[in-house]
C-alpha cells in the first residue's frame, strides 16, 4: 500500500462516524439486479437510473425508502436496486426479489455525495471492522450481504441525503 493510500484510508476512517447497532427484520426487497466486479461497479448508477422510474409505482411498495443490496459471489457480486414490497405478485417481469434475513447490523451513516459511498464502505471494511470486536457475517454465496439504505430525505438529483450502510455482524 502506498503512503497516499494509507493517508486516504486514515482520512476516511477519521470521517467515519461510530455505528449504531440494529436488529434488522425480515423485508421483501424487489427491484432490478445486475452482476458486477470491482472493475465494473462504476456501472451501478446506470442500474439505479433504469430502476428510478419504477419508484413509487411498484405494486405493494412499502414507504419511500430504497435499498442497494449486495450479494457476494466468487467472481464479483450481484447488486439489487430496490424497494420494500408486501409481496412478489404483480411485479414487473424484469424484477428480482430477495428476502432480507433477521440479522444484527452495524449501521453507518454516509455523509457527503453518493459518489463517495465506496470510501465509507472501504473505511468500514479496512478500519472499523478490524479494530472492532465484530466480524462480518458471510452468508452462502449469492445470499444478501451488506446493504445501502436510502432514506426518504435522499435526493437522487443532488446525490446526497439520508444514506446508511448496514453491515451484518456477529
N, C-alpha and C. Protein backbone atom coordinates (compact mmCIF):
# COMPACT_ATOMS: atom_id res chain seq x y z
N UNK A 1 0.86 -1.18 0.00
CA UNK A 1 0.00 0.00 0.00
C UNK A 1 0.90 1.23 0.00
N UNK A 2 0.57 2.19 -0.83
CA UNK A 2 1.37 3.39 -0.90
C UNK A 2 1.07 4.33 0.26
N UNK A 3 1.95 5.28 0.48
CA UNK A 3 1.74 6.25 1.54
C UNK A 3 0.46 7.05 1.31
N UNK A 4 0.18 7.41 0.04
CA UNK A 4 -1.05 8.16 -0.27
C UNK A 4 -2.29 7.33 0.02
N UNK A 5 -2.27 6.00 -0.29
CA UNK A 5 -3.41 5.16 0.01
C UNK A 5 -3.63 5.07 1.51
N UNK A 6 -2.54 4.91 2.27
CA UNK A 6 -2.64 4.85 3.72
C UNK A 6 -3.21 6.15 4.26
N UNK A 7 -2.73 7.28 3.77
CA UNK A 7 -3.23 8.58 4.22
C UNK A 7 -4.72 8.71 3.88
N UNK A 8 -5.11 8.29 2.68
CA UNK A 8 -6.52 8.38 2.28
C UNK A 8 -7.38 7.48 3.17
N UNK A 9 -6.91 6.25 3.46
CA UNK A 9 -7.67 5.36 4.34
C UNK A 9 -7.83 5.97 5.73
N UNK A 10 -6.76 6.57 6.24
CA UNK A 10 -6.84 7.20 7.56
C UNK A 10 -7.81 8.36 7.54
N UNK A 11 -7.81 9.15 6.47
CA UNK A 11 -8.74 10.26 6.38
C UNK A 11 -10.18 9.75 6.34
N UNK A 12 -10.40 8.65 5.61
CA UNK A 12 -11.75 8.09 5.54
C UNK A 12 -12.20 7.59 6.90
N UNK A 13 -11.29 6.92 7.65
CA UNK A 13 -11.69 6.38 8.93
C UNK A 13 -11.94 7.49 9.94
N UNK A 14 -11.24 8.63 9.80
CA UNK A 14 -11.49 9.75 10.70
C UNK A 14 -12.88 10.33 10.45
N UNK A 15 -13.37 10.27 9.21
CA UNK A 15 -14.68 10.80 8.88
C UNK A 15 -15.80 9.82 9.24
N UNK A 16 -15.46 8.55 9.41
CA UNK A 16 -16.46 7.52 9.68
C UNK A 16 -16.99 7.71 11.10
N UNK A 17 -18.30 7.88 11.19
CA UNK A 17 -18.93 8.03 12.49
C UNK A 17 -19.09 6.66 13.14
N UNK A 18 -19.13 6.64 14.45
CA UNK A 18 -19.37 5.38 15.16
C UNK A 18 -20.74 4.85 14.75
N UNK A 19 -20.85 3.53 14.58
CA UNK A 19 -22.13 2.97 14.14
C UNK A 19 -23.12 2.87 15.30
N UNK A 20 -24.37 2.73 14.91
CA UNK A 20 -25.38 2.28 15.86
C UNK A 20 -25.63 0.81 15.51
N UNK A 21 -26.26 0.09 16.40
CA UNK A 21 -26.50 -1.33 16.18
C UNK A 21 -27.99 -1.59 16.14
N UNK A 22 -28.41 -2.34 15.12
CA UNK A 22 -29.83 -2.60 14.89
C UNK A 22 -30.04 -4.09 14.66
N UNK A 23 -31.17 -4.58 15.13
CA UNK A 23 -31.62 -5.92 14.78
C UNK A 23 -32.58 -5.75 13.61
N UNK A 24 -32.10 -6.09 12.41
CA UNK A 24 -32.93 -5.95 11.22
C UNK A 24 -34.03 -6.98 11.20
N UNK A 25 -35.15 -6.62 10.60
CA UNK A 25 -36.26 -7.56 10.48
C UNK A 25 -36.36 -8.05 9.05
N UNK A 26 -37.18 -9.06 8.85
CA UNK A 26 -37.37 -9.62 7.52
C UNK A 26 -38.06 -8.60 6.62
N UNK A 27 -37.49 -8.37 5.45
CA UNK A 27 -38.08 -7.47 4.46
C UNK A 27 -38.00 -8.15 3.10
N UNK A 28 -39.03 -7.97 2.31
CA UNK A 28 -39.01 -8.43 0.93
C UNK A 28 -38.64 -7.23 0.07
N UNK A 29 -37.50 -7.31 -0.60
CA UNK A 29 -37.00 -6.22 -1.44
C UNK A 29 -37.15 -6.65 -2.90
N UNK A 30 -37.70 -5.76 -3.72
CA UNK A 30 -37.91 -6.05 -5.15
C UNK A 30 -37.28 -4.94 -5.98
N UNK A 31 -36.65 -5.32 -7.08
CA UNK A 31 -36.06 -4.33 -7.95
C UNK A 31 -35.27 -4.95 -9.07
N UNK A 32 -34.36 -4.18 -9.62
CA UNK A 32 -33.51 -4.63 -10.73
C UNK A 32 -32.17 -5.08 -10.18
N UNK A 33 -31.65 -6.16 -10.76
CA UNK A 33 -30.42 -6.77 -10.27
C UNK A 33 -29.42 -6.90 -11.41
N UNK A 34 -28.14 -6.66 -11.09
CA UNK A 34 -27.08 -6.82 -12.08
C UNK A 34 -25.86 -7.46 -11.45
N UNK A 35 -24.98 -7.96 -12.29
CA UNK A 35 -23.72 -8.59 -11.83
C UNK A 35 -22.57 -7.62 -12.07
N UNK A 36 -21.68 -7.49 -11.08
CA UNK A 36 -20.57 -6.53 -11.14
C UNK A 36 -19.29 -7.13 -10.57
N UNK A 37 -18.20 -6.50 -10.94
CA UNK A 37 -16.88 -6.79 -10.37
C UNK A 37 -16.33 -5.47 -9.86
N UNK A 38 -15.16 -5.51 -9.24
CA UNK A 38 -14.54 -4.25 -8.80
C UNK A 38 -14.31 -3.33 -9.99
N UNK A 39 -14.05 -3.91 -11.15
CA UNK A 39 -13.78 -3.10 -12.35
C UNK A 39 -15.06 -2.51 -12.95
N UNK A 40 -16.20 -3.17 -12.77
CA UNK A 40 -17.43 -2.70 -13.41
C UNK A 40 -18.42 -2.05 -12.42
N UNK A 41 -18.07 -1.99 -11.14
CA UNK A 41 -19.01 -1.44 -10.17
C UNK A 41 -19.35 0.03 -10.44
N UNK A 42 -18.54 0.70 -11.24
CA UNK A 42 -18.85 2.09 -11.61
C UNK A 42 -20.12 2.17 -12.46
N UNK A 43 -20.60 1.01 -12.94
CA UNK A 43 -21.82 0.97 -13.74
C UNK A 43 -23.09 0.85 -12.89
N UNK A 44 -22.96 0.75 -11.58
CA UNK A 44 -24.14 0.62 -10.71
C UNK A 44 -25.08 1.83 -10.84
N UNK A 45 -24.58 3.07 -10.96
CA UNK A 45 -25.53 4.18 -11.15
C UNK A 45 -26.46 4.00 -12.34
N UNK A 46 -26.02 3.32 -13.39
CA UNK A 46 -26.89 3.07 -14.55
C UNK A 46 -28.04 2.13 -14.17
N UNK A 47 -27.78 1.19 -13.26
CA UNK A 47 -28.85 0.31 -12.77
C UNK A 47 -29.88 1.14 -12.02
N UNK A 48 -29.41 2.07 -11.19
CA UNK A 48 -30.34 2.95 -10.47
C UNK A 48 -31.13 3.83 -11.44
N UNK A 49 -30.49 4.28 -12.49
CA UNK A 49 -31.21 5.10 -13.48
C UNK A 49 -32.33 4.32 -14.15
N UNK A 50 -32.07 3.03 -14.42
CA UNK A 50 -33.12 2.18 -15.00
C UNK A 50 -34.23 1.90 -14.00
N UNK A 51 -33.87 1.81 -12.72
CA UNK A 51 -34.85 1.48 -11.69
C UNK A 51 -35.68 2.69 -11.25
N UNK A 52 -35.11 3.87 -11.24
CA UNK A 52 -35.75 5.07 -10.70
C UNK A 52 -37.18 5.32 -11.20
N UNK A 53 -37.48 5.13 -12.49
CA UNK A 53 -38.85 5.40 -12.94
C UNK A 53 -39.91 4.52 -12.28
N UNK A 54 -39.51 3.37 -11.73
CA UNK A 54 -40.46 2.47 -11.08
C UNK A 54 -40.83 2.92 -9.66
N UNK A 55 -39.92 3.65 -9.01
CA UNK A 55 -40.11 4.00 -7.60
C UNK A 55 -41.41 4.77 -7.42
N UNK A 56 -42.21 4.31 -6.46
CA UNK A 56 -43.50 4.91 -6.18
C UNK A 56 -44.63 4.35 -7.02
N UNK A 57 -44.30 3.50 -8.01
CA UNK A 57 -45.32 2.92 -8.89
C UNK A 57 -45.33 1.39 -8.82
N UNK A 58 -44.60 0.82 -7.88
CA UNK A 58 -44.46 -0.63 -7.78
C UNK A 58 -45.61 -1.18 -6.94
N UNK A 59 -46.33 -2.19 -7.45
CA UNK A 59 -47.44 -2.76 -6.67
C UNK A 59 -46.97 -3.24 -5.29
N UNK A 60 -47.66 -2.79 -4.26
CA UNK A 60 -47.34 -3.23 -2.90
C UNK A 60 -46.12 -2.57 -2.29
N UNK A 61 -45.62 -1.49 -2.90
CA UNK A 61 -44.43 -0.82 -2.35
C UNK A 61 -44.72 -0.32 -0.93
N UNK A 62 -43.75 -0.50 -0.04
CA UNK A 62 -43.87 -0.06 1.35
C UNK A 62 -43.00 1.17 1.54
N UNK A 63 -43.59 2.30 1.84
CA UNK A 63 -42.83 3.51 2.13
C UNK A 63 -42.09 4.07 0.94
N UNK A 64 -41.12 4.95 1.24
CA UNK A 64 -40.35 5.64 0.20
C UNK A 64 -38.85 5.46 0.39
N UNK A 65 -38.46 4.37 1.03
CA UNK A 65 -37.05 4.06 1.25
C UNK A 65 -36.59 3.11 0.15
N UNK A 66 -35.38 3.33 -0.37
CA UNK A 66 -34.80 2.44 -1.39
C UNK A 66 -33.61 1.70 -0.78
N UNK A 67 -33.28 0.57 -1.38
CA UNK A 67 -32.19 -0.27 -0.88
C UNK A 67 -31.27 -0.67 -2.02
N UNK A 68 -29.99 -0.71 -1.74
CA UNK A 68 -28.99 -1.27 -2.64
C UNK A 68 -28.41 -2.48 -1.93
N UNK A 69 -28.77 -3.68 -2.37
CA UNK A 69 -28.38 -4.92 -1.69
C UNK A 69 -27.24 -5.59 -2.45
N UNK A 70 -26.17 -5.91 -1.73
CA UNK A 70 -25.01 -6.58 -2.33
C UNK A 70 -25.04 -8.07 -2.01
N UNK A 71 -24.75 -8.86 -3.02
CA UNK A 71 -24.72 -10.32 -2.91
C UNK A 71 -23.30 -10.79 -3.28
N UNK A 72 -22.44 -11.07 -2.29
CA UNK A 72 -21.08 -11.51 -2.61
C UNK A 72 -21.08 -12.84 -3.38
N UNK A 73 -20.25 -12.90 -4.41
CA UNK A 73 -20.09 -14.10 -5.23
C UNK A 73 -18.60 -14.34 -5.45
N UNK A 74 -18.24 -15.52 -5.88
CA UNK A 74 -16.82 -15.83 -6.08
C UNK A 74 -16.20 -15.02 -7.21
N UNK A 75 -17.02 -14.59 -8.18
CA UNK A 75 -16.49 -13.84 -9.32
C UNK A 75 -16.95 -12.38 -9.32
N UNK A 76 -17.19 -11.81 -8.15
CA UNK A 76 -17.64 -10.43 -8.04
C UNK A 76 -18.82 -10.36 -7.10
N UNK A 77 -19.85 -9.64 -7.51
CA UNK A 77 -21.04 -9.53 -6.67
C UNK A 77 -22.23 -9.13 -7.54
N UNK A 78 -23.40 -9.52 -7.06
CA UNK A 78 -24.63 -9.01 -7.64
C UNK A 78 -25.09 -7.84 -6.79
N UNK A 79 -25.83 -6.94 -7.41
CA UNK A 79 -26.33 -5.75 -6.72
C UNK A 79 -27.77 -5.56 -7.16
N UNK A 80 -28.65 -5.37 -6.18
CA UNK A 80 -30.06 -5.16 -6.45
C UNK A 80 -30.45 -3.77 -5.99
N UNK A 81 -30.96 -2.95 -6.90
CA UNK A 81 -31.52 -1.65 -6.57
C UNK A 81 -33.01 -1.87 -6.40
N UNK A 82 -33.55 -1.63 -5.18
CA UNK A 82 -34.94 -1.96 -4.96
C UNK A 82 -35.61 -1.20 -3.85
N UNK A 83 -36.84 -1.59 -3.60
CA UNK A 83 -37.66 -1.05 -2.52
C UNK A 83 -38.33 -2.22 -1.81
N UNK A 84 -38.81 -1.96 -0.60
CA UNK A 84 -39.56 -2.97 0.11
C UNK A 84 -40.95 -3.09 -0.49
N UNK A 85 -41.42 -4.34 -0.62
CA UNK A 85 -42.77 -4.60 -1.12
C UNK A 85 -43.48 -5.59 -0.19
N UNK A 86 -44.80 -5.61 -0.29
CA UNK A 86 -45.59 -6.52 0.53
C UNK A 86 -45.55 -7.95 0.01
N UNK A 87 -45.49 -8.10 -1.33
CA UNK A 87 -45.44 -9.44 -1.92
C UNK A 87 -44.78 -9.36 -3.29
N UNK A 88 -44.46 -10.53 -3.82
CA UNK A 88 -43.82 -10.61 -5.12
C UNK A 88 -44.82 -10.70 -6.27
N UNK A 89 -46.10 -10.65 -5.96
CA UNK A 89 -47.11 -10.74 -7.02
C UNK A 89 -47.26 -9.40 -7.73
N UNK A 90 -47.55 -9.44 -8.99
CA UNK A 90 -47.81 -8.27 -9.83
C UNK A 90 -46.59 -7.37 -10.04
N UNK A 91 -45.40 -7.88 -9.82
CA UNK A 91 -44.20 -7.09 -10.05
C UNK A 91 -43.85 -7.09 -11.54
N UNK A 92 -43.19 -6.06 -12.01
CA UNK A 92 -42.73 -6.07 -13.41
C UNK A 92 -41.87 -7.31 -13.69
N UNK A 93 -41.94 -7.79 -14.92
CA UNK A 93 -41.27 -9.03 -15.31
C UNK A 93 -39.76 -9.00 -15.05
N UNK A 94 -39.12 -7.86 -15.24
CA UNK A 94 -37.67 -7.76 -15.10
C UNK A 94 -37.20 -7.74 -13.64
N UNK A 95 -38.14 -7.68 -12.70
CA UNK A 95 -37.77 -7.55 -11.29
C UNK A 95 -37.29 -8.86 -10.68
N UNK A 96 -36.39 -8.71 -9.72
CA UNK A 96 -35.93 -9.79 -8.86
C UNK A 96 -36.37 -9.44 -7.45
N UNK A 97 -36.48 -10.45 -6.60
CA UNK A 97 -36.80 -10.21 -5.20
C UNK A 97 -35.78 -10.92 -4.31
N UNK A 98 -35.66 -10.42 -3.10
CA UNK A 98 -34.84 -11.07 -2.09
C UNK A 98 -35.51 -10.81 -0.74
N UNK A 99 -35.52 -11.83 0.09
CA UNK A 99 -36.00 -11.67 1.46
C UNK A 99 -34.79 -11.44 2.35
N UNK A 100 -34.75 -10.27 2.96
CA UNK A 100 -33.65 -9.94 3.86
C UNK A 100 -33.87 -10.70 5.16
N UNK A 101 -32.83 -11.39 5.65
CA UNK A 101 -33.00 -12.19 6.86
C UNK A 101 -32.97 -11.32 8.13
N UNK A 102 -33.49 -11.88 9.20
CA UNK A 102 -33.33 -11.25 10.51
C UNK A 102 -31.85 -11.35 10.84
N UNK A 103 -31.25 -10.23 11.18
CA UNK A 103 -29.80 -10.18 11.35
C UNK A 103 -29.44 -9.01 12.24
N UNK A 104 -28.31 -9.08 12.91
CA UNK A 104 -27.76 -7.97 13.69
C UNK A 104 -26.87 -7.17 12.76
N UNK A 105 -27.00 -5.84 12.78
CA UNK A 105 -26.25 -4.97 11.87
C UNK A 105 -25.54 -3.86 12.62
N UNK A 106 -24.37 -3.50 12.12
CA UNK A 106 -23.73 -2.24 12.47
C UNK A 106 -24.16 -1.28 11.37
N UNK A 107 -24.72 -0.14 11.76
CA UNK A 107 -25.30 0.80 10.80
C UNK A 107 -24.47 2.08 10.79
N UNK A 108 -23.93 2.41 9.63
CA UNK A 108 -23.06 3.57 9.46
C UNK A 108 -23.75 4.61 8.59
N UNK A 109 -23.71 5.86 9.05
CA UNK A 109 -24.22 6.96 8.23
C UNK A 109 -23.17 7.34 7.21
N UNK A 110 -23.61 7.61 6.00
CA UNK A 110 -22.71 8.12 4.96
C UNK A 110 -23.01 9.60 4.81
N UNK A 111 -22.01 10.42 5.01
CA UNK A 111 -22.17 11.87 4.86
C UNK A 111 -21.50 12.28 3.56
N UNK A 112 -22.10 13.18 2.87
CA UNK A 112 -21.50 13.66 1.63
C UNK A 112 -22.15 13.07 0.41
N UNK A 113 -21.53 13.34 -0.73
CA UNK A 113 -22.07 12.94 -2.02
C UNK A 113 -22.04 11.42 -2.18
N UNK A 114 -23.01 10.90 -2.88
CA UNK A 114 -23.13 9.46 -3.09
C UNK A 114 -21.94 8.89 -3.86
N UNK A 115 -21.27 9.70 -4.65
CA UNK A 115 -20.10 9.23 -5.39
C UNK A 115 -18.96 8.81 -4.45
N UNK A 116 -19.04 9.20 -3.19
CA UNK A 116 -18.01 8.85 -2.20
C UNK A 116 -18.44 7.70 -1.29
N UNK A 117 -19.54 7.02 -1.64
CA UNK A 117 -20.02 5.92 -0.81
C UNK A 117 -18.99 4.81 -0.69
N UNK A 118 -18.24 4.55 -1.74
CA UNK A 118 -17.22 3.49 -1.69
C UNK A 118 -16.16 3.82 -0.63
N UNK A 119 -15.86 5.11 -0.42
CA UNK A 119 -14.91 5.50 0.63
C UNK A 119 -15.43 5.08 2.00
N UNK A 120 -16.73 5.27 2.24
CA UNK A 120 -17.32 4.86 3.51
C UNK A 120 -17.23 3.34 3.66
N UNK A 121 -17.57 2.61 2.61
CA UNK A 121 -17.50 1.15 2.65
C UNK A 121 -16.07 0.67 2.91
N UNK A 122 -15.10 1.29 2.26
CA UNK A 122 -13.70 0.93 2.47
C UNK A 122 -13.27 1.19 3.91
N UNK A 123 -13.68 2.32 4.48
CA UNK A 123 -13.33 2.64 5.86
C UNK A 123 -13.94 1.63 6.83
N UNK A 124 -15.17 1.21 6.56
CA UNK A 124 -15.81 0.19 7.41
C UNK A 124 -15.01 -1.10 7.36
N UNK A 125 -14.70 -1.55 6.14
CA UNK A 125 -14.02 -2.84 5.95
C UNK A 125 -12.56 -2.82 6.41
N UNK A 126 -11.84 -1.76 6.09
CA UNK A 126 -10.40 -1.73 6.34
C UNK A 126 -10.01 -1.15 7.70
N UNK A 127 -10.88 -0.30 8.24
CA UNK A 127 -10.53 0.37 9.50
C UNK A 127 -11.42 -0.07 10.67
N UNK A 128 -12.74 0.08 10.51
CA UNK A 128 -13.61 -0.19 11.65
C UNK A 128 -13.67 -1.66 12.00
N UNK A 129 -13.97 -2.53 11.02
CA UNK A 129 -14.12 -3.96 11.32
C UNK A 129 -12.88 -4.56 11.98
N UNK A 130 -11.67 -4.36 11.45
CA UNK A 130 -10.51 -4.97 12.09
C UNK A 130 -10.26 -4.47 13.52
N UNK A 131 -10.69 -3.26 13.83
CA UNK A 131 -10.47 -2.69 15.16
C UNK A 131 -11.62 -2.97 16.12
N UNK A 132 -12.72 -3.48 15.58
CA UNK A 132 -13.90 -3.73 16.42
C UNK A 132 -13.84 -5.14 16.98
N UNK A 133 -14.80 -5.45 17.82
CA UNK A 133 -14.93 -6.80 18.36
C UNK A 133 -15.83 -7.66 17.49
N UNK A 134 -16.21 -7.14 16.32
CA UNK A 134 -17.18 -7.81 15.46
C UNK A 134 -16.52 -8.40 14.21
N UNK A 135 -17.24 -9.32 13.60
CA UNK A 135 -16.83 -9.89 12.32
C UNK A 135 -18.00 -9.75 11.35
N UNK A 136 -17.68 -9.58 10.09
CA UNK A 136 -18.68 -9.51 9.02
C UNK A 136 -19.28 -10.89 8.87
N UNK A 137 -20.60 -10.97 8.83
CA UNK A 137 -21.28 -12.25 8.64
C UNK A 137 -21.32 -12.54 7.14
N UNK A 138 -20.63 -13.60 6.75
CA UNK A 138 -20.65 -14.02 5.34
C UNK A 138 -21.64 -15.16 5.21
N UNK A 139 -22.70 -14.92 4.50
CA UNK A 139 -23.66 -15.99 4.24
C UNK A 139 -23.15 -16.85 3.10
N UNK A 140 -23.99 -17.69 2.61
CA UNK A 140 -23.64 -18.51 1.45
C UNK A 140 -23.49 -17.61 0.23
N UNK A 141 -22.64 -17.98 -0.73
CA UNK A 141 -22.51 -17.17 -1.94
C UNK A 141 -23.87 -16.94 -2.59
N UNK A 142 -24.12 -15.69 -2.95
CA UNK A 142 -25.37 -15.34 -3.59
C UNK A 142 -26.48 -14.92 -2.64
N UNK A 143 -26.23 -15.03 -1.32
CA UNK A 143 -27.21 -14.54 -0.35
C UNK A 143 -26.88 -13.09 -0.01
N UNK A 144 -27.86 -12.34 0.50
CA UNK A 144 -27.60 -10.92 0.77
C UNK A 144 -26.47 -10.73 1.77
N UNK A 145 -25.64 -9.74 1.47
CA UNK A 145 -24.59 -9.34 2.40
C UNK A 145 -24.98 -8.00 2.99
N UNK A 146 -24.09 -7.04 2.89
CA UNK A 146 -24.43 -5.71 3.40
C UNK A 146 -25.39 -5.02 2.43
N UNK A 147 -26.02 -3.95 2.92
CA UNK A 147 -26.88 -3.19 2.03
C UNK A 147 -26.82 -1.70 2.35
N UNK A 148 -27.21 -0.93 1.36
CA UNK A 148 -27.31 0.53 1.49
C UNK A 148 -28.79 0.86 1.67
N UNK A 149 -29.06 1.79 2.55
CA UNK A 149 -30.44 2.23 2.78
C UNK A 149 -30.51 3.71 2.43
N UNK A 150 -31.35 4.04 1.46
CA UNK A 150 -31.55 5.41 1.01
C UNK A 150 -32.86 5.91 1.60
N UNK A 151 -32.76 6.73 2.63
CA UNK A 151 -33.95 7.21 3.34
C UNK A 151 -34.76 8.19 2.52
N UNK A 152 -35.89 8.59 3.11
CA UNK A 152 -36.84 9.46 2.41
C UNK A 152 -36.24 10.82 2.06
N UNK A 153 -35.22 11.28 2.81
CA UNK A 153 -34.64 12.59 2.50
C UNK A 153 -33.50 12.51 1.48
N UNK A 154 -33.19 11.29 0.98
CA UNK A 154 -32.16 11.19 -0.05
C UNK A 154 -32.68 11.80 -1.34
N UNK A 155 -31.88 12.67 -1.94
CA UNK A 155 -32.25 13.33 -3.19
C UNK A 155 -31.35 12.81 -4.31
N UNK A 156 -31.87 11.92 -5.18
CA UNK A 156 -31.03 11.36 -6.24
C UNK A 156 -30.57 12.40 -7.25
N UNK A 157 -31.30 13.50 -7.38
CA UNK A 157 -30.89 14.56 -8.32
C UNK A 157 -29.62 15.25 -7.83
N UNK A 158 -29.50 15.40 -6.52
CA UNK A 158 -28.34 16.06 -5.91
C UNK A 158 -27.27 15.03 -5.53
N UNK A 159 -27.70 13.79 -5.25
CA UNK A 159 -26.76 12.74 -4.86
C UNK A 159 -26.38 12.80 -3.39
N UNK A 160 -27.27 13.34 -2.56
CA UNK A 160 -26.97 13.46 -1.13
C UNK A 160 -28.25 13.35 -0.33
N UNK A 161 -28.10 13.11 0.96
CA UNK A 161 -29.23 13.00 1.87
C UNK A 161 -29.02 11.84 2.82
N UNK A 162 -30.10 11.23 3.23
CA UNK A 162 -30.09 10.16 4.23
C UNK A 162 -29.63 8.85 3.58
N UNK A 163 -28.34 8.49 3.80
CA UNK A 163 -27.79 7.25 3.28
C UNK A 163 -27.10 6.52 4.42
N UNK A 164 -27.39 5.23 4.54
CA UNK A 164 -26.76 4.39 5.57
C UNK A 164 -26.22 3.12 4.92
N UNK A 165 -25.16 2.57 5.53
CA UNK A 165 -24.62 1.28 5.12
C UNK A 165 -24.87 0.33 6.30
N UNK A 166 -25.60 -0.75 6.04
CA UNK A 166 -25.94 -1.74 7.05
C UNK A 166 -25.05 -2.97 6.84
N UNK A 167 -24.20 -3.28 7.81
CA UNK A 167 -23.24 -4.37 7.71
C UNK A 167 -23.64 -5.48 8.68
N UNK A 168 -23.90 -6.70 8.17
CA UNK A 168 -24.26 -7.80 9.06
C UNK A 168 -23.05 -8.22 9.89
N UNK A 169 -23.25 -8.33 11.21
CA UNK A 169 -22.13 -8.62 12.11
C UNK A 169 -22.46 -9.77 13.05
N UNK A 170 -21.41 -10.32 13.60
CA UNK A 170 -21.56 -11.28 14.70
C UNK A 170 -20.52 -11.00 15.74
